[in-house]
Amino acid sequence: MKRTIIASLFLIIACKEEKKEVQSIAEPQKIEENIGESKPEDNESEQAKKWLEKSIVDYFKADLGNLDKAMRKMTTKGYYDYKTDATNVDLDVDGSLTEKEFEDKWKKKFDVSKAGIGIGFLISAQDWNHIEVGSCELKSSSGNEYIFNVVLTDNDFKAKYPSVIKVIKDNGSFLIADVLQEEPK
């Protein structure tokens, strides 16, 4: 009886080891078949684009009282602080900076000429009805950084808001790291 159990155990172990060898041989062939289909960065940039489009739509659907919280959630801390400073330049609020102070503080990290000084996050208007992503095209990508040309639209106001948005992937999440906005003329 003991011999039968021991023989059965050896047989089971031998069968398991044989299956492992077959799997390890089959896996490389599978990988070779996938080469050339799509690059991982293509998929990643498509994911970044979908995330950006959804995040923008969700941001403008949020209650007005929750916009700051929504912005903080979808941006890097550095960009959030930068854009908050840009929005508050020369306003009579605690911590607001003059334009010169703002430029001196941020010019080494951001293009302060495209900060959107005195205007809101993503659009220059204070009022909107229904913001949509009119277009979102990948301009360039490098590593975990994706640059998109984006045009937001509000058909009710017949308005278009073009910008260039940098999205990064950090700890498995996408975040807006910069928005280059044209100031209203």
Protein backbone atom coordinates (compact mmCIF):
# COMPACT_ATOMS: atom_id res chain seq x y z
CA MET A 1 0.00 0.00 0.00
CA LYS A 2 2.81 2.40 0.91
CA ARG A 3 4.60 1.59 -2.33
CA THR A 4 1.46 2.37 -4.33
CA ILE A 5 1.06 5.77 -2.63
CA ILE A 6 4.75 6.64 -3.13
CA ALA A 7 4.62 5.53 -6.76
CA SER A 8 1.46 7.63 -7.27
CA LEU A 9 3.16 10.69 -5.78
CA PHE A 10 6.18 10.28 -8.06
CA LEU A 11 3.88 9.89 -11.04
CA ILE A 12 1.92 13.05 -10.10
CA ILE A 13 5.13 15.06 -9.59
CA ALA A 14 6.55 13.82 -12.89
CA CYS A 15 3.37 14.82 -14.72
CA LYS A 16 3.38 18.30 -13.18
CA GLU A 17 7.00 18.89 -14.14
CA GLU A 18 6.31 17.74 -17.70
CA LYS A 19 3.43 20.25 -17.99
CA LYS A 20 5.70 23.09 -16.83
CA GLU A 21 8.19 22.28 -19.58
CA VAL A 22 5.46 22.32 -22.21
CA GLN A 23 4.19 25.70 -20.98
CA SER A 24 7.63 27.26 -20.95
CA ILE A 25 8.18 26.17 -24.55
CA ALA A 26 4.77 27.41 -25.71
CA GLU A 27 5.00 30.88 -24.12
CA PRO A 28 7.92 32.23 -26.18
CA GLN A 29 6.16 31.20 -29.38
CA LYS A 30 3.10 33.16 -28.28
CA ILE A 31 5.21 36.25 -27.59
CA GLU A 32 6.88 36.00 -31.00
CA GLU A 33 3.48 35.87 -32.69
CA ASN A 34 2.47 39.16 -31.01
CA ILE A 35 5.53 41.08 -32.16
CA GLY A 36 4.59 43.73 -34.66
CA GLU A 37 0.87 43.83 -33.86
CA SER A 38 0.84 46.93 -31.64
CA LYS A 39 3.44 48.65 -29.57
CA PRO A 40 2.84 48.93 -25.80
CA GLU A 41 3.29 52.70 -25.99
CA ASP A 42 0.49 52.92 -28.60
CA ASN A 43 -1.88 51.20 -26.22
CA GLU A 44 -0.65 53.35 -23.33
CA SER A 45 -1.16 56.59 -25.28
CA GLU A 46 -4.67 55.45 -26.24
CA GLN A 47 -5.40 54.77 -22.56
CA ALA A 48 -4.04 58.22 -21.66
CA LYS A 49 -6.25 59.82 -24.32
CA LYS A 50 -9.39 58.02 -23.10
CA TRP A 51 -8.57 58.93 -19.50
CA LEU A 52 -8.03 62.59 -20.44
CA GLU A 53 -11.27 62.85 -22.42
CA LYS A 54 -13.31 61.20 -19.65
CA SER A 55 -11.65 63.27 -16.92
CA ILE A 56 -12.35 66.53 -18.73
CA VAL A 57 -16.02 65.66 -19.29
CA ASP A 58 -16.40 64.53 -15.66
CA TYR A 59 -14.71 67.71 -14.41
CA PHE A 60 -17.19 69.96 -16.19
CA LYS A 61 -20.13 67.84 -15.00
CA ALA A 62 -19.06 68.17 -11.34
CA ASP A 63 -20.91 70.50 -9.01
CA LEU A 64 -19.38 73.98 -8.92
CA GLY A 65 -18.52 73.48 -5.25
CA ASN A 66 -16.49 70.37 -6.10
CA LEU A 67 -14.45 71.72 -9.05
CA ASP A 68 -11.37 72.40 -6.92
CA LYS A 69 -11.50 68.87 -5.50
CA ALA A 70 -11.97 67.42 -9.01
CA MET A 71 -9.04 69.46 -10.34
CA ARG A 72 -6.81 68.36 -7.48
CA LYS A 73 -7.73 64.70 -8.19
CA MET A 74 -6.84 64.85 -11.91
CA THR A 75 -3.63 66.92 -11.78
CA THR A 76 -0.16 66.58 -10.32
CA LYS A 77 0.41 68.49 -7.09
CA GLY A 78 2.94 70.74 -8.83
CA TYR A 79 0.57 71.66 -11.65
CA TYR A 80 -2.33 72.16 -9.23
CA ASP A 81 -0.28 74.64 -7.16
CA TYR A 82 0.97 76.38 -10.31
CA LYS A 83 -2.49 76.76 -11.88
CA THR A 84 -4.00 77.92 -8.58
CA ASP A 85 -1.33 80.62 -8.38
CA ALA A 86 -1.93 81.57 -12.05
CA THR A 87 -5.68 81.86 -11.55
CA ASN A 88 -5.24 84.06 -8.47
CA VAL A 89 -2.58 86.45 -9.84
CA ASP A 90 -3.33 90.01 -8.69
CA LEU A 91 -6.56 89.00 -6.94
CA ASP A 92 -7.30 90.19 -3.44
CA VAL A 93 -7.09 86.73 -1.84
CA ASP A 94 -4.70 85.21 0.67
CA GLY A 95 -1.52 84.00 -0.97
CA SER A 96 -2.12 85.67 -4.34
CA LEU A 97 0.97 86.78 -6.21
CA THR A 98 1.73 89.66 -8.50
CA GLU A 99 2.44 88.66 -12.10
CA LYS A 100 6.17 89.26 -11.52
CA GLU A 101 6.17 87.12 -8.35
CA PHE A 102 4.29 84.39 -10.20
CA GLU A 103 6.79 84.39 -13.08
CA ASP A 104 9.77 84.32 -10.72
CA LYS A 105 8.28 81.45 -8.72
CA TRP A 106 7.33 79.18 -11.64
CA LYS A 107 9.46 80.08 -14.69
CA LYS A 108 11.95 77.26 -14.08
CA LYS A 109 9.25 74.54 -14.08
CA PHE A 110 6.56 75.78 -16.48
CA ASP A 111 6.06 78.00 -19.54
CA VAL A 112 4.54 80.92 -17.62
CA SER A 113 3.55 82.68 -20.86
CA LYS A 114 0.97 79.87 -21.40
CA ALA A 115 -0.22 79.63 -17.79
CA GLY A 116 -3.63 81.11 -18.39
CA ILE A 117 -3.11 83.88 -15.83
CA GLY A 118 -6.40 85.04 -14.37
CA ILE A 119 -8.43 82.39 -16.20
CA GLY A 120 -9.81 79.06 -15.10
CA PHE A 121 -8.60 75.52 -15.45
CA LEU A 122 -8.88 74.17 -19.04
CA ILE A 123 -11.09 77.00 -20.38
CA SER A 124 -10.90 80.78 -20.29
CA ALA A 125 -14.62 81.34 -19.68
CA GLN A 126 -16.15 81.76 -16.25
CA ASP A 127 -19.49 80.41 -17.44
CA TRP A 128 -20.28 77.36 -19.54
CA ASN A 129 -23.23 75.14 -20.29
CA HIS A 130 -22.00 71.90 -21.78
CA ILE A 131 -18.27 71.43 -22.35
CA GLU A 132 -17.32 68.61 -24.71
CA VAL A 133 -14.00 67.39 -26.06
CA GLY A 134 -14.13 68.52 -29.69
CA SER A 135 -10.81 66.91 -30.49
CA CYS A 136 -7.97 65.25 -28.64
CA GLU A 137 -4.99 64.26 -30.76
CA LEU A 138 -1.69 62.82 -29.58
CA LYS A 139 1.02 65.31 -30.47
CA SER A 140 3.98 63.40 -28.98
CA SER A 141 4.93 60.85 -26.36
CA SER A 142 8.08 59.97 -24.51
CA GLY A 143 8.33 57.38 -21.78
CA ASN A 144 5.45 58.00 -19.40
CA GLU A 145 4.60 61.45 -20.83
CA TYR A 146 1.92 62.18 -23.45
CA ILE A 147 1.25 65.56 -25.07
CA PHE A 148 -2.20 66.13 -26.58
CA ASN A 149 -3.61 68.92 -28.74
CA VAL A 150 -7.07 69.40 -27.28
CA VAL A 151 -9.99 71.57 -28.33
CA LEU A 152 -12.84 71.86 -25.86
CA THR A 153 -16.15 73.17 -27.15
CA ASP A 154 -19.28 74.69 -25.69
CA ASN A 155 -21.84 74.75 -28.50
CA ASP A 156 -24.36 76.73 -26.42
CA PHE A 157 -21.90 79.64 -26.22
CA LYS A 158 -20.37 78.87 -29.63
CA ALA A 159 -16.97 78.74 -27.97
CA LYS A 160 -13.80 76.75 -28.62
CA TYR A 161 -10.94 76.43 -26.17
CA PRO A 162 -7.72 75.10 -27.70
CA SER A 163 -4.88 73.96 -25.45
CA VAL A 164 -1.96 71.60 -25.25
CA ILE A 165 -2.20 69.19 -22.34
CA LYS A 166 0.63 67.10 -20.92
CA VAL A 167 -0.48 63.86 -19.25
CA ILE A 168 1.91 61.69 -17.26
CA LYS A 169 1.54 58.20 -15.87
CA ASP A 170 2.58 58.11 -12.24
CA ASN A 171 2.17 55.08 -9.98
CA GLY A 172 -0.25 53.46 -12.41
CA SER A 173 -2.49 56.54 -12.72
CA PHE A 174 -2.71 59.25 -15.33
CA LEU A 175 -2.48 62.88 -14.22
CA ILE A 176 -2.44 66.22 -15.98
CA ALA A 177 1.03 67.71 -15.49
CA ASP A 178 0.63 70.91 -17.55
CA VAL A 179 -1.88 72.78 -19.68
CA LEU A 180 -0.65 75.37 -22.17
CA GLN A 181 -3.51 77.84 -22.53
CA GLU A 182 -3.87 80.84 -24.76
CA GLU A 183 -4.97 83.89 -22.86
CA PRO A 184 -8.15 85.55 -24.14
CA LYS A 185 -7.61 88.41 -26.53
